[in-house]
Structure formats: structure tokens, C-alpha cells
Amino acid sequence: MPVEVSVGQIAEMRKAHPCGGLEWSVVRVGADIGLKCIKCGRRVMLPREEFERRLKCLKTARPGTSPR
């Protein structure tokens, strides 16, 4: 069953990004999931299957932050 994900949520991944960040902001939802690293700002696209496999947990967006 697919994970319910929406733009603006914070995704915590199982492995850290090379910059050391674990949290990513969801910026696009569809067949591919667009993510932006909260620590360094790098943007990546992951196929939904890979995103769900790497996902540790989903959090709601922090107040005062925008996905872009």
C-alpha cells in the first residue's frame, strides 16, 4: 500500500545525505517524489518505490517554513 505523502511534509530518511542532513522537504508528489535537503538545499527526484524504501518517517511541516 502506498505511503500518503503531500507537498510540505518533512521526510526523514534512513541514510544521511553527504552533507549530513537526514531531513528532506517534499516539494513534488506524483510517480516521482521531489525532495529538497533541509540542511544544504540540494534537490533530488526519487521514484516512489525507492522513496518508500528509503523513508524512515514522515513529519508535518515546521511552522514558518515553505517547501521552496
PDB file of N, CA and C in Angstrom:
ATOM      1  N   MET A   1       0.847  -1.178   0.000  1.00  0.00           N
ATOM      2  CA  MET A   1       0.000   0.000   0.000  1.00  0.00           C
ATOM      3  C   MET A   1       0.897   1.248   0.000  1.00  0.00           C
ATOM      4  N   PRO A   2       0.643   2.217  -0.906  1.00  0.00           N
ATOM      5  CA  PRO A   2       1.493   3.411  -0.986  1.00  0.00           C
ATOM      6  C   PRO A   2       1.382   4.307   0.249  1.00  0.00           C
ATOM      7  N   VAL A   3       2.469   4.979   0.538  1.00  0.00           N
ATOM      8  CA  VAL A   3       2.516   5.921   1.658  1.00  0.00           C
ATOM      9  C   VAL A   3       1.819   7.212   1.235  1.00  0.00           C
ATOM     10  N   GLU A   4       0.976   7.766   2.102  1.00  0.00           N
ATOM     11  CA  GLU A   4       0.310   9.048   1.846  1.00  0.00           C
ATOM     12  C   GLU A   4       1.315  10.161   2.131  1.00  0.00           C
ATOM     13  N   VAL A   5       1.716  10.870   1.095  1.00  0.00           N
ATOM     14  CA  VAL A   5       2.689  11.954   1.235  1.00  0.00           C
ATOM     15  C   VAL A   5       2.149  13.177   0.506  1.00  0.00           C
ATOM     16  N   SER A   6       2.401  14.353   1.079  1.00  0.00           N
ATOM     17  CA  SER A   6       1.933  15.584   0.437  1.00  0.00           C
ATOM     18  C   SER A   6       3.040  16.639   0.478  1.00  0.00           C
ATOM     19  N   VAL A   7       2.906  17.606  -0.412  1.00  0.00           N
ATOM     20  CA  VAL A   7       3.886  18.685  -0.506  1.00  0.00           C
ATOM     21  C   VAL A   7       3.936  19.442   0.818  1.00  0.00           C
ATOM     22  N   GLY A   8       5.139  19.731   1.264  1.00  0.00           N
ATOM     23  CA  GLY A   8       5.332  20.478   2.501  1.00  0.00           C
ATOM     24  C   GLY A   8       5.677  19.600   3.690  1.00  0.00           C
ATOM     25  N   GLN A   9       5.463  18.292   3.599  1.00  0.00           N
ATOM     26  CA  GLN A   9       5.819  17.415   4.710  1.00  0.00           C
ATOM     27  C   GLN A   9       7.334  17.260   4.784  1.00  0.00           C
ATOM     28  N   ILE A  10       7.827  16.862   5.946  1.00  0.00           N
ATOM     29  CA  ILE A  10       9.244  16.603   6.166  1.00  0.00           C
ATOM     30  C   ILE A  10       9.444  15.094   6.203  1.00  0.00           C
ATOM     31  N   ALA A  11      10.338  14.593   5.352  1.00  0.00           N
ATOM     32  CA  ALA A  11      10.641  13.167   5.295  1.00  0.00           C
ATOM     33  C   ALA A  11      12.002  12.928   5.933  1.00  0.00           C
ATOM     34  N   GLU A  12      12.050  12.029   6.890  1.00  0.00           N
ATOM     35  CA  GLU A  12      13.327  11.634   7.491  1.00  0.00           C
ATOM     36  C   GLU A  12      13.733  10.324   6.830  1.00  0.00           C
ATOM     37  N   MET A  13      14.919  10.321   6.244  1.00  0.00           N
ATOM     38  CA  MET A  13      15.386   9.158   5.503  1.00  0.00           C
ATOM     39  C   MET A  13      16.274   8.274   6.369  1.00  0.00           C
ATOM     40  N   ARG A  14      16.452   7.025   5.951  1.00  0.00           N
ATOM     41  CA  ARG A  14      17.250   6.064   6.720  1.00  0.00           C
ATOM     42  C   ARG A  14      18.746   6.401   6.706  1.00  0.00           C
ATOM     43  N   LYS A  15      19.258   6.845   5.562  1.00  0.00           N
ATOM     44  CA  LYS A  15      20.683   7.178   5.453  1.00  0.00           C
ATOM     45  C   LYS A  15      20.840   8.685   5.272  1.00  0.00           C
ATOM     46  N   ALA A  16      21.909   9.206   5.803  1.00  0.00           N
ATOM     47  CA  ALA A  16      22.169  10.646   5.727  1.00  0.00           C
ATOM     48  C   ALA A  16      22.656  11.044   4.336  1.00  0.00           C
ATOM     49  N   HIS A  17      22.341  12.269   3.949  1.00  0.00           N
ATOM     50  CA  HIS A  17      22.851  12.885   2.727  1.00  0.00           C
ATOM     51  C   HIS A  17      24.341  13.161   2.973  1.00  0.00           C
ATOM     52  N   PRO A  18      25.181  13.234   1.939  1.00  0.00           N
ATOM     53  CA  PRO A  18      26.610  13.517   2.160  1.00  0.00           C
ATOM     54  C   PRO A  18      26.880  14.782   2.982  1.00  0.00           C
ATOM     55  N   CYS A  19      25.958  15.752   2.979  1.00  0.00           N
ATOM     56  CA  CYS A  19      26.150  16.960   3.792  1.00  0.00           C
ATOM     57  C   CYS A  19      25.869  16.683   5.263  1.00  0.00           C
ATOM     58  N   GLY A  20      25.293  15.528   5.571  1.00  0.00           N
ATOM     59  CA  GLY A  20      24.996  15.170   6.957  1.00  0.00           C
ATOM     60  C   GLY A  20      23.535  15.313   7.329  1.00  0.00           C
ATOM     61  N   GLY A  21      22.708  15.858   6.442  1.00  0.00           N
ATOM     62  CA  GLY A  21      21.293  16.057   6.730  1.00  0.00           C
ATOM     63  C   GLY A  21      20.475  14.781   6.564  1.00  0.00           C
ATOM     64  N   LEU A  22      19.543  14.563   7.470  1.00  0.00           N
ATOM     65  CA  LEU A  22      18.636  13.420   7.397  1.00  0.00           C
ATOM     66  C   LEU A  22      17.233  13.833   6.956  1.00  0.00           C
ATOM     67  N   GLU A  23      16.906  15.113   7.087  1.00  0.00           N
ATOM     68  CA  GLU A  23      15.549  15.570   6.816  1.00  0.00           C
ATOM     69  C   GLU A  23      15.453  16.241   5.453  1.00  0.00           C
ATOM     70  N   TRP A  24      14.376  15.924   4.740  1.00  0.00           N
ATOM     71  CA  TRP A  24      14.108  16.440   3.408  1.00  0.00           C
ATOM     72  C   TRP A  24      12.694  16.996   3.371  1.00  0.00           C
ATOM     73  N   SER A  25      12.512  18.098   2.671  1.00  0.00           N
ATOM     74  CA  SER A  25      11.197  18.688   2.469  1.00  0.00           C
ATOM     75  C   SER A  25      10.634  18.147   1.153  1.00  0.00           C
ATOM     76  N   VAL A  26       9.369  17.719   1.167  1.00  0.00           N
ATOM     77  CA  VAL A  26       8.721  17.207  -0.042  1.00  0.00           C
ATOM     78  C   VAL A  26       8.257  18.409  -0.868  1.00  0.00           C
ATOM     79  N   VAL A  27       8.742  18.515  -2.117  1.00  0.00           N
ATOM     80  CA  VAL A  27       8.398  19.646  -2.977  1.00  0.00           C
ATOM     81  C   VAL A  27       7.565  19.230  -4.185  1.00  0.00           C
ATOM     82  N   ARG A  28       7.465  17.933  -4.460  1.00  0.00           N
ATOM     83  CA  ARG A  28       6.678  17.452  -5.592  1.00  0.00           C
ATOM     84  C   ARG A  28       6.194  16.046  -5.288  1.00  0.00           C
ATOM     85  N   VAL A  29       4.940  15.755  -5.662  1.00  0.00           N
ATOM     86  CA  VAL A  29       4.367  14.435  -5.445  1.00  0.00           C
ATOM     87  C   VAL A  29       3.766  13.956  -6.755  1.00  0.00           C
ATOM     88  N   GLY A  30       4.007  12.716  -7.081  1.00  0.00           N
ATOM     89  CA  GLY A  30       3.488  12.099  -8.294  1.00  0.00           C
ATOM     90  C   GLY A  30       4.095  10.717  -8.404  1.00  0.00           C
ATOM     91  N   ALA A  31       4.361  10.264  -9.638  1.00  0.00           N
ATOM     92  CA  ALA A  31       5.050   8.992  -9.823  1.00  0.00           C
ATOM     93  C   ALA A  31       6.454   9.079  -9.231  1.00  0.00           C
ATOM     94  N   ASP A  32       7.056  10.278  -9.329  1.00  0.00           N
ATOM     95  CA  ASP A  32       8.340  10.563  -8.686  1.00  0.00           C
ATOM     96  C   ASP A  32       8.087  11.530  -7.543  1.00  0.00           C
ATOM     97  N   ILE A  33       8.930  11.461  -6.518  1.00  0.00           N
ATOM     98  CA  ILE A  33       8.818  12.361  -5.372  1.00  0.00           C
ATOM     99  C   ILE A  33       9.993  13.333  -5.438  1.00  0.00           C
ATOM    100  N   GLY A  34       9.703  14.632  -5.425  1.00  0.00           N
ATOM    101  CA  GLY A  34      10.733  15.658  -5.402  1.00  0.00           C
ATOM    102  C   GLY A  34      11.056  16.024  -3.969  1.00  0.00           C
ATOM    103  N   LEU A  35      12.334  16.031  -3.641  1.00  0.00           N
ATOM    104  CA  LEU A  35      12.780  16.324  -2.274  1.00  0.00           C
ATOM    105  C   LEU A  35      13.832  17.423  -2.294  1.00  0.00           C
ATOM    106  N   LYS A  36      13.867  18.211  -1.218  1.00  0.00           N
ATOM    107  CA  LYS A  36      14.876  19.253  -1.047  1.00  0.00           C
ATOM    108  C   LYS A  36      15.516  19.056   0.326  1.00  0.00           C
ATOM    109  N   CYS A  37      16.836  18.922   0.358  1.00  0.00           N
ATOM    110  CA  CYS A  37      17.556  18.736   1.619  1.00  0.00           C
ATOM    111  C   CYS A  37      17.404  20.001   2.462  1.00  0.00           C
ATOM    112  N   ILE A  38      17.007  19.847   3.697  1.00  0.00           N
ATOM    113  CA  ILE A  38      16.801  20.996   4.575  1.00  0.00           C
ATOM    114  C   ILE A  38      18.132  21.627   4.978  1.00  0.00           C
ATOM    115  N   LYS A  39      19.181  20.827   5.076  1.00  0.00           N
ATOM    116  CA  LYS A  39      20.473  21.342   5.526  1.00  0.00           C
ATOM    117  C   LYS A  39      21.217  22.106   4.430  1.00  0.00           C
ATOM    118  N   CYS A  40      21.299  21.544   3.203  1.00  0.00           N
ATOM    119  CA  CYS A  40      22.123  22.174   2.164  1.00  0.00           C
ATOM    120  C   CYS A  40      21.327  22.716   0.978  1.00  0.00           C
ATOM    121  N   GLY A  41      20.043  22.352   0.856  1.00  0.00           N
ATOM    122  CA  GLY A  41      19.219  22.875  -0.219  1.00  0.00           C
ATOM    123  C   GLY A  41      19.264  22.080  -1.510  1.00  0.00           C
ATOM    124  N   ARG A  42      19.993  20.985  -1.558  1.00  0.00           N
ATOM    125  CA  ARG A  42      20.076  20.149  -2.761  1.00  0.00           C
ATOM    126  C   ARG A  42      18.705  19.553  -3.074  1.00  0.00           C
ATOM    127  N   ARG A  43      18.329  19.545  -4.361  1.00  0.00           N
ATOM    128  CA  ARG A  43      17.048  18.980  -4.791  1.00  0.00           C
ATOM    129  C   ARG A  43      17.286  17.691  -5.559  1.00  0.00           C
ATOM    130  N   VAL A  44      16.485  16.659  -5.254  1.00  0.00           N
ATOM    131  CA  VAL A  44      16.579  15.372  -5.941  1.00  0.00           C
ATOM    132  C   VAL A  44      15.179  14.859  -6.259  1.00  0.00           C
ATOM    133  N   MET A  45      15.099  13.962  -7.230  1.00  0.00           N
ATOM    134  CA  MET A  45      13.866  13.277  -7.582  1.00  0.00           C
ATOM    135  C   MET A  45      14.090  11.787  -7.364  1.00  0.00           C
ATOM    136  N   LEU A  46      13.171  11.137  -6.668  1.00  0.00           N
ATOM    137  CA  LEU A  46      13.257   9.695  -6.453  1.00  0.00           C
ATOM    138  C   LEU A  46      11.980   9.043  -6.960  1.00  0.00           C
ATOM    139  N   PRO A  47      12.093   7.885  -7.616  1.00  0.00           N
ATOM    140  CA  PRO A  47      10.878   7.140  -7.938  1.00  0.00           C
ATOM    141  C   PRO A  47      10.148   6.797  -6.632  1.00  0.00           C
ATOM    142  N   ARG A  48       8.830   6.741  -6.680  1.00  0.00           N
ATOM    143  CA  ARG A  48       8.029   6.500  -5.472  1.00  0.00           C
ATOM    144  C   ARG A  48       8.472   5.233  -4.739  1.00  0.00           C
ATOM    145  N   GLU A  49       8.740   4.141  -5.454  1.00  0.00           N
ATOM    146  CA  GLU A  49       9.167   2.892  -4.813  1.00  0.00           C
ATOM    147  C   GLU A  49      10.440   3.085  -4.002  1.00  0.00           C
ATOM    148  N   GLU A  50      11.420   3.749  -4.598  1.00  0.00           N
ATOM    149  CA  GLU A  50      12.687   3.983  -3.911  1.00  0.00           C
ATOM    150  C   GLU A  50      12.493   4.904  -2.708  1.00  0.00           C
ATOM    151  N   PHE A  51      11.672   5.946  -2.866  1.00  0.00           N
ATOM    152  CA  PHE A  51      11.372   6.860  -1.764  1.00  0.00           C
ATOM    153  C   PHE A  51      10.777   6.089  -0.584  1.00  0.00           C
ATOM    154  N   GLU A  52       9.790   5.233  -0.850  1.00  0.00           N
ATOM    155  CA  GLU A  52       9.139   4.476   0.222  1.00  0.00           C
ATOM    156  C   GLU A  52      10.099   3.510   0.890  1.00  0.00           C
ATOM    157  N   ARG A  53      11.033   2.949   0.129  1.00  0.00           N
ATOM    158  CA  ARG A  53      12.008   2.019   0.689  1.00  0.00           C
ATOM    159  C   ARG A  53      13.006   2.742   1.597  1.00  0.00           C
ATOM    160  N   ARG A  54      13.415   3.969   1.210  1.00  0.00           N
ATOM    161  CA  ARG A  54      14.402   4.732   1.983  1.00  0.00           C
ATOM    162  C   ARG A  54      13.807   5.524   3.140  1.00  0.00           C
ATOM    163  N   LEU A  55      12.496   5.700   3.156  1.00  0.00           N
ATOM    164  CA  LEU A  55      11.813   6.529   4.150  1.00  0.00           C
ATOM    165  C   LEU A  55      11.862   5.906   5.545  1.00  0.00           C
ATOM    166  N   LYS A  56      12.183   6.731   6.528  1.00  0.00           N
ATOM    167  CA  LYS A  56      12.154   6.292   7.921  1.00  0.00           C
ATOM    168  C   LYS A  56      10.839   6.738   8.561  1.00  0.00           C
ATOM    169  N   CYS A  57      10.507   8.037   8.437  1.00  0.00           N
ATOM    170  CA  CYS A  57       9.236   8.542   8.947  1.00  0.00           C
ATOM    171  C   CYS A  57       8.882   9.860   8.262  1.00  0.00           C
ATOM    172  N   LEU A  58       7.596  10.202   8.293  1.00  0.00           N
ATOM    173  CA  LEU A  58       7.100  11.464   7.743  1.00  0.00           C
ATOM    174  C   LEU A  58       6.640  12.341   8.887  1.00  0.00           C
ATOM    175  N   LYS A  59       6.949  13.620   8.805  1.00  0.00           N
ATOM    176  CA  LYS A  59       6.537  14.598   9.816  1.00  0.00           C
ATOM    177  C   LYS A  59       5.760  15.700   9.117  1.00  0.00           C
ATOM    178  N   THR A  60       4.948  16.413   9.863  1.00  0.00           N
ATOM    179  CA  THR A  60       4.286  17.580   9.284  1.00  0.00           C
ATOM    180  C   THR A  60       5.301  18.707   9.165  1.00  0.00           C
ATOM    181  N   ALA A  61       5.016  19.652   8.288  1.00  0.00           N
ATOM    182  CA  ALA A  61       5.941  20.768   8.051  1.00  0.00           C
ATOM    183  C   ALA A  61       6.102  21.614   9.307  1.00  0.00           C
ATOM    184  N   ARG A  62       7.262  22.178   9.463  1.00  0.00           N
ATOM    185  CA  ARG A  62       7.511  23.077  10.579  1.00  0.00           C
ATOM    186  C   ARG A  62       6.812  24.410  10.312  1.00  0.00           C
ATOM    187  N   PRO A  63       6.272  25.042  11.331  1.00  0.00           N
ATOM    188  CA  PRO A  63       5.623  26.342  11.125  1.00  0.00           C
ATOM    189  C   PRO A  63       6.624  27.372  10.607  1.00  0.00           C
ATOM    190  N   GLY A  64       6.187  28.166   9.655  1.00  0.00           N
ATOM    191  CA  GLY A  64       7.036  29.230   9.138  1.00  0.00           C
ATOM    192  C   GLY A  64       7.999  28.816   8.048  1.00  0.00           C
ATOM    193  N   THR A  65       7.916  27.555   7.583  1.00  0.00           N
ATOM    194  CA  THR A  65       8.791  27.113   6.508  1.00  0.00           C
ATOM    195  C   THR A  65       7.962  26.859   5.262  1.00  0.00           C
ATOM    196  N   SER A  66       8.573  27.118   4.118  1.00  0.00           N
ATOM    197  CA  SER A  66       7.888  26.836   2.857  1.00  0.00           C
ATOM    198  C   SER A  66       8.668  25.764   2.115  1.00  0.00           C
ATOM    199  N   PRO A  67       8.010  24.959   1.274  1.00  0.00           N
ATOM    200  CA  PRO A  67       8.695  23.872   0.592  1.00  0.00           C
ATOM    201  C   PRO A  67       9.686  24.342  -0.454  1.00  0.00           C
ATOM    202  N   ARG A  68       9.643  25.596  -0.896  1.00  0.00           N
ATOM    203  CA  ARG A  68      10.534  26.070  -1.956  1.00  0.00           C
ATOM    204  C   ARG A  68      11.567  26.921  -1.367  1.00  0.00           C
TER     205      ARG A  68
END
